[in-house]
All heavy atoms as atom14 arrays in JSON, in Angstrom:
{
  "sequence": "NSSNIIEGSLQAENLKFSIVCARFNDFFVTKLL",
  "atom14_mask": [
    [1, 1, 1, 1, 1, 1, 1, 1, 0, 0, 0, 0, 0, 0],
    [1, 1, 1, 1, 1, 1, 0, 0, 0, 0, 0, 0, 0, 0],
    [1, 1, 1, 1, 1, 1, 0, 0, 0, 0, 0, 0, 0, 0],
    [1, 1, 1, 1, 1, 1, 1, 1, 0, 0, 0, 0, 0, 0],
    [1, 1, 1, 1, 1, 1, 1, 1, 0, 0, 0, 0, 0, 0],
    [1, 1, 1, 1, 1, 1, 1, 1, 0, 0, 0, 0, 0, 0],
    [1, 1, 1, 1, 1, 1, 1, 1, 1, 0, 0, 0, 0, 0],
    [1, 1, 1, 1, 0, 0, 0, 0, 0, 0, 0, 0, 0, 0],
    [1, 1, 1, 1, 1, 1, 0, 0, 0, 0, 0, 0, 0, 0],
    [1, 1, 1, 1, 1, 1, 1, 1, 0, 0, 0, 0, 0, 0],
    [1, 1, 1, 1, 1, 1, 1, 1, 1, 0, 0, 0, 0, 0],
    [1, 1, 1, 1, 1, 0, 0, 0, 0, 0, 0, 0, 0, 0],
    [1, 1, 1, 1, 1, 1, 1, 1, 1, 0, 0, 0, 0, 0],
    [1, 1, 1, 1, 1, 1, 1, 1, 0, 0, 0, 0, 0, 0],
    [1, 1, 1, 1, 1, 1, 1, 1, 0, 0, 0, 0, 0, 0],
    [1, 1, 1, 1, 1, 1, 1, 1, 1, 0, 0, 0, 0, 0],
    [1, 1, 1, 1, 1, 1, 1, 1, 1, 1, 1, 0, 0, 0],
    [1, 1, 1, 1, 1, 1, 0, 0, 0, 0, 0, 0, 0, 0],
    [1, 1, 1, 1, 1, 1, 1, 1, 0, 0, 0, 0, 0, 0],
    [1, 1, 1, 1, 1, 1, 1, 0, 0, 0, 0, 0, 0, 0],
    [1, 1, 1, 1, 1, 1, 0, 0, 0, 0, 0, 0, 0, 0],
    [1, 1, 1, 1, 1, 0, 0, 0, 0, 0, 0, 0, 0, 0],
    [1, 1, 1, 1, 1, 1, 1, 1, 1, 1, 1, 0, 0, 0],
    [1, 1, 1, 1, 1, 1, 1, 1, 1, 1, 1, 0, 0, 0],
    [1, 1, 1, 1, 1, 1, 1, 1, 0, 0, 0, 0, 0, 0],
    [1, 1, 1, 1, 1, 1, 1, 1, 0, 0, 0, 0, 0, 0],
    [1, 1, 1, 1, 1, 1, 1, 1, 1, 1, 1, 0, 0, 0],
    [1, 1, 1, 1, 1, 1, 1, 1, 1, 1, 1, 0, 0, 0],
    [1, 1, 1, 1, 1, 1, 1, 0, 0, 0, 0, 0, 0, 0],
    [1, 1, 1, 1, 1, 1, 1, 0, 0, 0, 0, 0, 0, 0],
    [1, 1, 1, 1, 1, 1, 1, 1, 1, 0, 0, 0, 0, 0],
    [1, 1, 1, 1, 1, 1, 1, 1, 0, 0, 0, 0, 0, 0],
    [1, 1, 1, 1, 1, 1, 1, 1, 0, 0, 0, 0, 0, 0]
  ],
  "atom14_positions": [
    [[0.85, -1.18, 0.0], [0.0, 0.0, 0.0], [0.89, 1.24, 0.0], [1.8, 1.35, 0.81], [-0.89, -0.03, 1.25], [-1.87, 1.1, 1.3], [-1.62, 2.19, 0.77], [-2.99, 0.86, 1.94], [0.0, 0.0, 0.0], [0.0, 0.0, 0.0], [0.0, 0.0, 0.0], [0.0, 0.0, 0.0], [0.0, 0.0, 0.0], [0.0, 0.0, 0.0]],
    [[0.63, 2.19, -0.89], [1.48, 3.37, -0.99], [1.49, 4.2, 0.3], [2.44, 4.94, 0.56], [1.04, 4.25, -2.16], [-0.27, 4.72, -1.95], [0.0, 0.0, 0.0], [0.0, 0.0, 0.0], [0.0, 0.0, 0.0], [0.0, 0.0, 0.0], [0.0, 0.0, 0.0], [0.0, 0.0, 0.0], [0.0, 0.0, 0.0], [0.0, 0.0, 0.0]],
    [[0.48, 4.08, 1.14], [0.49, 4.81, 2.41], [1.48, 4.21, 3.4], [1.76, 4.8, 4.44], [-0.92, 4.86, 3.01], [-1.34, 3.55, 3.37], [0.0, 0.0, 0.0], [0.0, 0.0, 0.0], [0.0, 0.0, 0.0], [0.0, 0.0, 0.0], [0.0, 0.0, 0.0], [0.0, 0.0, 0.0], [0.0, 0.0, 0.0], [0.0, 0.0, 0.0]],
    [[2.03, 3.03, 3.09], [3.02, 2.38, 3.94], [4.45, 2.63, 3.48], [5.38, 2.02, 4.0], [2.77, 0.87, 4.02], [1.48, 0.55, 4.74], [0.98, 1.34, 5.52], [0.94, -0.61, 4.46], [0.0, 0.0, 0.0], [0.0, 0.0, 0.0], [0.0, 0.0, 0.0], [0.0, 0.0, 0.0], [0.0, 0.0, 0.0], [0.0, 0.0, 0.0]],
    [[4.61, 3.49, 2.49], [5.93, 3.79, 1.95], [6.35, 5.18, 2.43], [5.62, 6.15, 2.25], [5.94, 3.72, 0.41], [5.61, 2.3, -0.04], [7.3, 4.17, -0.13], [5.43, 2.15, -1.53], [0.0, 0.0, 0.0], [0.0, 0.0, 0.0], [0.0, 0.0, 0.0], [0.0, 0.0, 0.0], [0.0, 0.0, 0.0], [0.0, 0.0, 0.0]],
    [[7.52, 5.25, 3.04], [8.05, 6.53, 3.51], [9.36, 6.77, 2.78], [10.25, 5.92, 2.76], [8.31, 6.49, 5.03], [7.03, 6.12, 5.78], [8.85, 7.83, 5.51], [7.25, 5.82, 7.25], [0.0, 0.0, 0.0], [0.0, 0.0, 0.0], [0.0, 0.0, 0.0], [0.0, 0.0, 0.0], [0.0, 0.0, 0.0], [0.0, 0.0, 0.0]],
    [[9.47, 7.94, 2.17], [10.71, 8.3, 1.5], [10.89, 9.81, 1.56], [9.93, 10.55, 1.7], [10.76, 7.79, 0.06], [9.65, 8.28, -0.82], [9.68, 7.64, -2.2], [10.74, 7.14, -2.61], [8.65, 7.64, -2.87], [0.0, 0.0, 0.0], [0.0, 0.0, 0.0], [0.0, 0.0, 0.0], [0.0, 0.0, 0.0], [0.0, 0.0, 0.0]],
    [[12.14, 10.24, 1.47], [12.44, 11.66, 1.52], [12.33, 12.3, 0.16], [12.54, 11.67, -0.87], [0.0, 0.0, 0.0], [0.0, 0.0, 0.0], [0.0, 0.0, 0.0], [0.0, 0.0, 0.0], [0.0, 0.0, 0.0], [0.0, 0.0, 0.0], [0.0, 0.0, 0.0], [0.0, 0.0, 0.0], [0.0, 0.0, 0.0], [0.0, 0.0, 0.0]],
    [[12.02, 13.58, 0.17], [11.94, 14.34, -1.08], [13.26, 15.07, -1.31], [14.14, 15.08, -0.45], [10.8, 15.36, -1.0], [11.14, 16.38, -0.07], [0.0, 0.0, 0.0], [0.0, 0.0, 0.0], [0.0, 0.0, 0.0], [0.0, 0.0, 0.0], [0.0, 0.0, 0.0], [0.0, 0.0, 0.0], [0.0, 0.0, 0.0], [0.0, 0.0, 0.0]],
    [[13.38, 15.68, -2.45], [14.58, 16.45, -2.78], [14.29, 17.95, -2.69], [14.72, 18.73, -3.53], [15.11, 16.07, -4.16], [15.83, 14.74, -4.24], [16.21, 14.39, -5.67], [17.07, 14.75, -3.36], [0.0, 0.0, 0.0], [0.0, 0.0, 0.0], [0.0, 0.0, 0.0], [0.0, 0.0, 0.0], [0.0, 0.0, 0.0], [0.0, 0.0, 0.0]],
    [[13.55, 18.35, -1.67], [13.25, 19.76, -1.41], [14.09, 20.23, -0.24], [13.93, 19.74, 0.87], [11.76, 19.94, -1.11], [10.84, 19.52, -2.23], [11.07, 20.32, -3.5], [11.25, 21.52, -3.46], [11.09, 19.64, -4.63], [0.0, 0.0, 0.0], [0.0, 0.0, 0.0], [0.0, 0.0, 0.0], [0.0, 0.0, 0.0], [0.0, 0.0, 0.0]],
    [[14.98, 21.19, -0.48], [15.9, 21.65, 0.56], [15.39, 22.89, 1.31], [16.08, 23.39, 2.19], [17.27, 21.94, -0.05], [0.0, 0.0, 0.0], [0.0, 0.0, 0.0], [0.0, 0.0, 0.0], [0.0, 0.0, 0.0], [0.0, 0.0, 0.0], [0.0, 0.0, 0.0], [0.0, 0.0, 0.0], [0.0, 0.0, 0.0], [0.0, 0.0, 0.0]],
    [[14.2, 23.35, 0.98], [13.65, 24.53, 1.65], [13.57, 24.3, 3.15], [13.14, 23.25, 3.61], [12.26, 24.84, 1.1], [12.25, 25.19, -0.37], [10.88, 25.01, -0.99], [9.88, 24.99, -0.27], [10.83, 24.89, -2.22], [0.0, 0.0, 0.0], [0.0, 0.0, 0.0], [0.0, 0.0, 0.0], [0.0, 0.0, 0.0], [0.0, 0.0, 0.0]],
    [[14.0, 25.31, 3.91], [13.95, 25.3, 5.37], [14.84, 24.25, 6.03], [14.69, 24.0, 7.23], [12.51, 25.15, 5.87], [11.63, 26.27, 5.35], [12.01, 27.43, 5.36], [10.45, 25.91, 4.87], [0.0, 0.0, 0.0], [0.0, 0.0, 0.0], [0.0, 0.0, 0.0], [0.0, 0.0, 0.0], [0.0, 0.0, 0.0], [0.0, 0.0, 0.0]],
    [[15.71, 23.61, 5.29], [16.64, 22.65, 5.88], [17.97, 23.35, 6.16], [18.39, 24.23, 5.41], [16.88, 21.46, 4.95], [15.68, 20.56, 4.68], [16.06, 19.48, 3.66], [15.16, 19.93, 5.96], [0.0, 0.0, 0.0], [0.0, 0.0, 0.0], [0.0, 0.0, 0.0], [0.0, 0.0, 0.0], [0.0, 0.0, 0.0], [0.0, 0.0, 0.0]],
    [[18.61, 22.93, 7.25], [19.91, 23.48, 7.61], [20.97, 22.39, 7.47], [20.78, 21.28, 7.96], [19.88, 24.01, 9.04], [18.97, 25.22, 9.21], [19.11, 25.79, 10.59], [18.12, 26.89, 10.84], [18.4, 28.12, 10.19], [0.0, 0.0, 0.0], [0.0, 0.0, 0.0], [0.0, 0.0, 0.0], [0.0, 0.0, 0.0], [0.0, 0.0, 0.0]],
    [[22.05, 22.75, 6.8], [23.13, 21.81, 6.53], [24.46, 22.36, 7.05], [24.67, 23.57, 7.06], [23.3, 21.57, 5.02], [22.07, 21.04, 4.36], [21.17, 21.89, 3.75], [21.81, 19.68, 4.35], [20.03, 21.4, 3.14], [20.68, 19.18, 3.74], [19.78, 20.05, 3.14], [0.0, 0.0, 0.0], [0.0, 0.0, 0.0], [0.0, 0.0, 0.0]],
    [[25.33, 21.47, 7.44], [26.72, 21.83, 7.65], [27.54, 20.95, 6.71], [27.21, 19.78, 6.49], [27.15, 21.61, 9.1], [28.49, 22.02, 9.25], [0.0, 0.0, 0.0], [0.0, 0.0, 0.0], [0.0, 0.0, 0.0], [0.0, 0.0, 0.0], [0.0, 0.0, 0.0], [0.0, 0.0, 0.0], [0.0, 0.0, 0.0], [0.0, 0.0, 0.0]],
    [[28.57, 21.54, 6.17], [29.49, 20.82, 5.29], [30.88, 20.95, 5.89], [31.37, 22.06, 6.1], [29.46, 21.36, 3.85], [28.03, 21.35, 3.3], [30.4, 20.55, 2.96], [27.89, 22.02, 1.93], [0.0, 0.0, 0.0], [0.0, 0.0, 0.0], [0.0, 0.0, 0.0], [0.0, 0.0, 0.0], [0.0, 0.0, 0.0], [0.0, 0.0, 0.0]],
    [[31.49, 19.81, 6.21], [32.83, 19.81, 6.77], [33.8, 19.4, 5.67], [33.65, 18.32, 5.08], [32.94, 18.86, 7.99], [34.34, 18.89, 8.57], [31.9, 19.23, 9.05], [0.0, 0.0, 0.0], [0.0, 0.0, 0.0], [0.0, 0.0, 0.0], [0.0, 0.0, 0.0], [0.0, 0.0, 0.0], [0.0, 0.0, 0.0], [0.0, 0.0, 0.0]],
    [[34.76, 20.28, 5.38], [35.67, 20.09, 4.26], [37.11, 19.95, 4.74], [37.56, 20.71, 5.6], [35.61, 21.3, 3.33], [34.0, 21.6, 2.6], [0.0, 0.0, 0.0], [0.0, 0.0, 0.0], [0.0, 0.0, 0.0], [0.0, 0.0, 0.0], [0.0, 0.0, 0.0], [0.0, 0.0, 0.0], [0.0, 0.0, 0.0], [0.0, 0.0, 0.0]],
    [[37.82, 19.0, 4.14], [39.25, 18.83, 4.41], [40.05, 19.78, 3.53], [39.84, 19.85, 2.32], [39.66, 17.38, 4.14], [0.0, 0.0, 0.0], [0.0, 0.0, 0.0], [0.0, 0.0, 0.0], [0.0, 0.0, 0.0], [0.0, 0.0, 0.0], [0.0, 0.0, 0.0], [0.0, 0.0, 0.0], [0.0, 0.0, 0.0], [0.0, 0.0, 0.0]],
    [[40.96, 20.52, 4.15], [41.8, 21.45, 3.39], [42.87, 20.71, 2.57], [43.3, 21.18, 1.52], [42.47, 22.42, 4.36], [43.04, 23.63, 3.68], [43.57, 24.67, 4.65], [42.68, 25.01, 5.74], [41.61, 25.81, 5.65], [41.29, 26.33, 4.48], [40.87, 26.08, 6.69], [0.0, 0.0, 0.0], [0.0, 0.0, 0.0], [0.0, 0.0, 0.0]],
    [[43.29, 19.51, 3.02], [44.27, 18.72, 2.28], [43.63, 18.34, 0.94], [42.49, 17.88, 0.9], [44.66, 17.48, 3.07], [45.93, 16.83, 2.6], [47.16, 17.34, 2.99], [45.89, 15.73, 1.77], [48.34, 16.75, 2.55], [47.05, 15.13, 1.33], [48.29, 15.65, 1.72], [0.0, 0.0, 0.0], [0.0, 0.0, 0.0], [0.0, 0.0, 0.0]],
    [[44.32, 18.54, -0.14], [43.8, 18.35, -1.49], [42.64, 19.31, -1.78], [41.68, 18.96, -2.45], [43.36, 16.89, -1.74], [44.53, 15.94, -1.81], [45.57, 16.28, -2.36], [44.37, 14.76, -1.23], [0.0, 0.0, 0.0], [0.0, 0.0, 0.0], [0.0, 0.0, 0.0], [0.0, 0.0, 0.0], [0.0, 0.0, 0.0], [0.0, 0.0, 0.0]],
    [[42.76, 20.55, -1.27], [41.67, 21.51, -1.39], [41.35, 21.9, -2.82], [40.24, 22.35, -3.1], [41.9, 22.74, -0.52], [43.06, 23.6, -1.01], [43.94, 23.1, -1.71], [43.06, 24.8, -0.65], [0.0, 0.0, 0.0], [0.0, 0.0, 0.0], [0.0, 0.0, 0.0], [0.0, 0.0, 0.0], [0.0, 0.0, 0.0], [0.0, 0.0, 0.0]],
    [[42.28, 21.7, -3.75], [41.97, 21.95, -5.15], [40.74, 21.15, -5.57], [39.85, 21.65, -6.25], [43.17, 21.59, -6.04], [42.87, 21.69, -7.52], [42.88, 22.92, -8.15], [42.56, 20.56, -8.25], [42.58, 23.02, -9.51], [42.26, 20.65, -9.61], [42.27, 21.88, -10.24], [0.0, 0.0, 0.0], [0.0, 0.0, 0.0], [0.0, 0.0, 0.0]],
    [[40.68, 19.9, -5.13], [39.55, 19.03, -5.45], [38.38, 19.29, -4.51], [37.22, 19.28, -4.93], [39.96, 17.55, -5.35], [41.11, 17.19, -6.23], [42.35, 16.9, -5.7], [40.96, 17.17, -7.61], [43.42, 16.57, -6.52], [42.03, 16.83, -8.44], [43.26, 16.54, -7.9], [0.0, 0.0, 0.0], [0.0, 0.0, 0.0], [0.0, 0.0, 0.0]],
    [[38.66, 19.49, -3.24], [37.6, 19.64, -2.24], [36.76, 20.89, -2.52], [35.54, 20.87, -2.35], [38.17, 19.64, -0.81], [37.07, 19.85, 0.22], [38.91, 18.34, -0.54], [0.0, 0.0, 0.0], [0.0, 0.0, 0.0], [0.0, 0.0, 0.0], [0.0, 0.0, 0.0], [0.0, 0.0, 0.0], [0.0, 0.0, 0.0], [0.0, 0.0, 0.0]],
    [[37.38, 21.97, -2.98], [36.59, 23.17, -3.3], [35.6, 22.89, -4.42], [34.49, 23.43, -4.42], [37.49, 24.37, -3.67], [38.36, 24.0, -4.73], [38.28, 24.86, -2.49], [0.0, 0.0, 0.0], [0.0, 0.0, 0.0], [0.0, 0.0, 0.0], [0.0, 0.0, 0.0], [0.0, 0.0, 0.0], [0.0, 0.0, 0.0], [0.0, 0.0, 0.0]],
    [[35.96, 22.03, -5.35], [35.02, 21.65, -6.42], [33.88, 20.8, -5.87], [32.73, 20.93, -6.3], [35.77, 20.93, -7.54], [36.76, 21.86, -8.25], [37.48, 21.18, -9.36], [38.52, 22.03, -10.03], [38.38, 23.45, -10.02], [0.0, 0.0, 0.0], [0.0, 0.0, 0.0], [0.0, 0.0, 0.0], [0.0, 0.0, 0.0], [0.0, 0.0, 0.0]],
    [[34.19, 19.93, -4.91], [33.13, 19.15, -4.25], [32.19, 20.08, -3.48], [30.96, 19.93, -3.53], [33.74, 18.12, -3.29], [34.65, 17.06, -3.89], [35.23, 16.18, -2.78], [33.94, 16.23, -4.92], [0.0, 0.0, 0.0], [0.0, 0.0, 0.0], [0.0, 0.0, 0.0], [0.0, 0.0, 0.0], [0.0, 0.0, 0.0], [0.0, 0.0, 0.0]],
    [[32.76, 21.05, -2.77], [31.95, 22.01, -2.02], [31.07, 22.82, -2.96], [29.87, 23.0, -2.68], [32.87, 22.93, -1.21], [32.18, 24.05, -0.44], [31.17, 23.5, 0.57], [33.22, 24.93, 0.25], [0.0, 0.0, 0.0], [0.0, 0.0, 0.0], [0.0, 0.0, 0.0], [0.0, 0.0, 0.0], [0.0, 0.0, 0.0], [0.0, 0.0, 0.0]]
  ]
}
C-alpha cells in the first residue's frame, strides 16, 4: 500500500546543513563544495 511507503523528497527549503571540508587536497575539495 502506498500509504506504507516513507521516503524523503529532494526539497531543501527550510533545511539546515553543515558541510565539513578537508583542506588537504583543497583543489579538489573546493570543487566538491
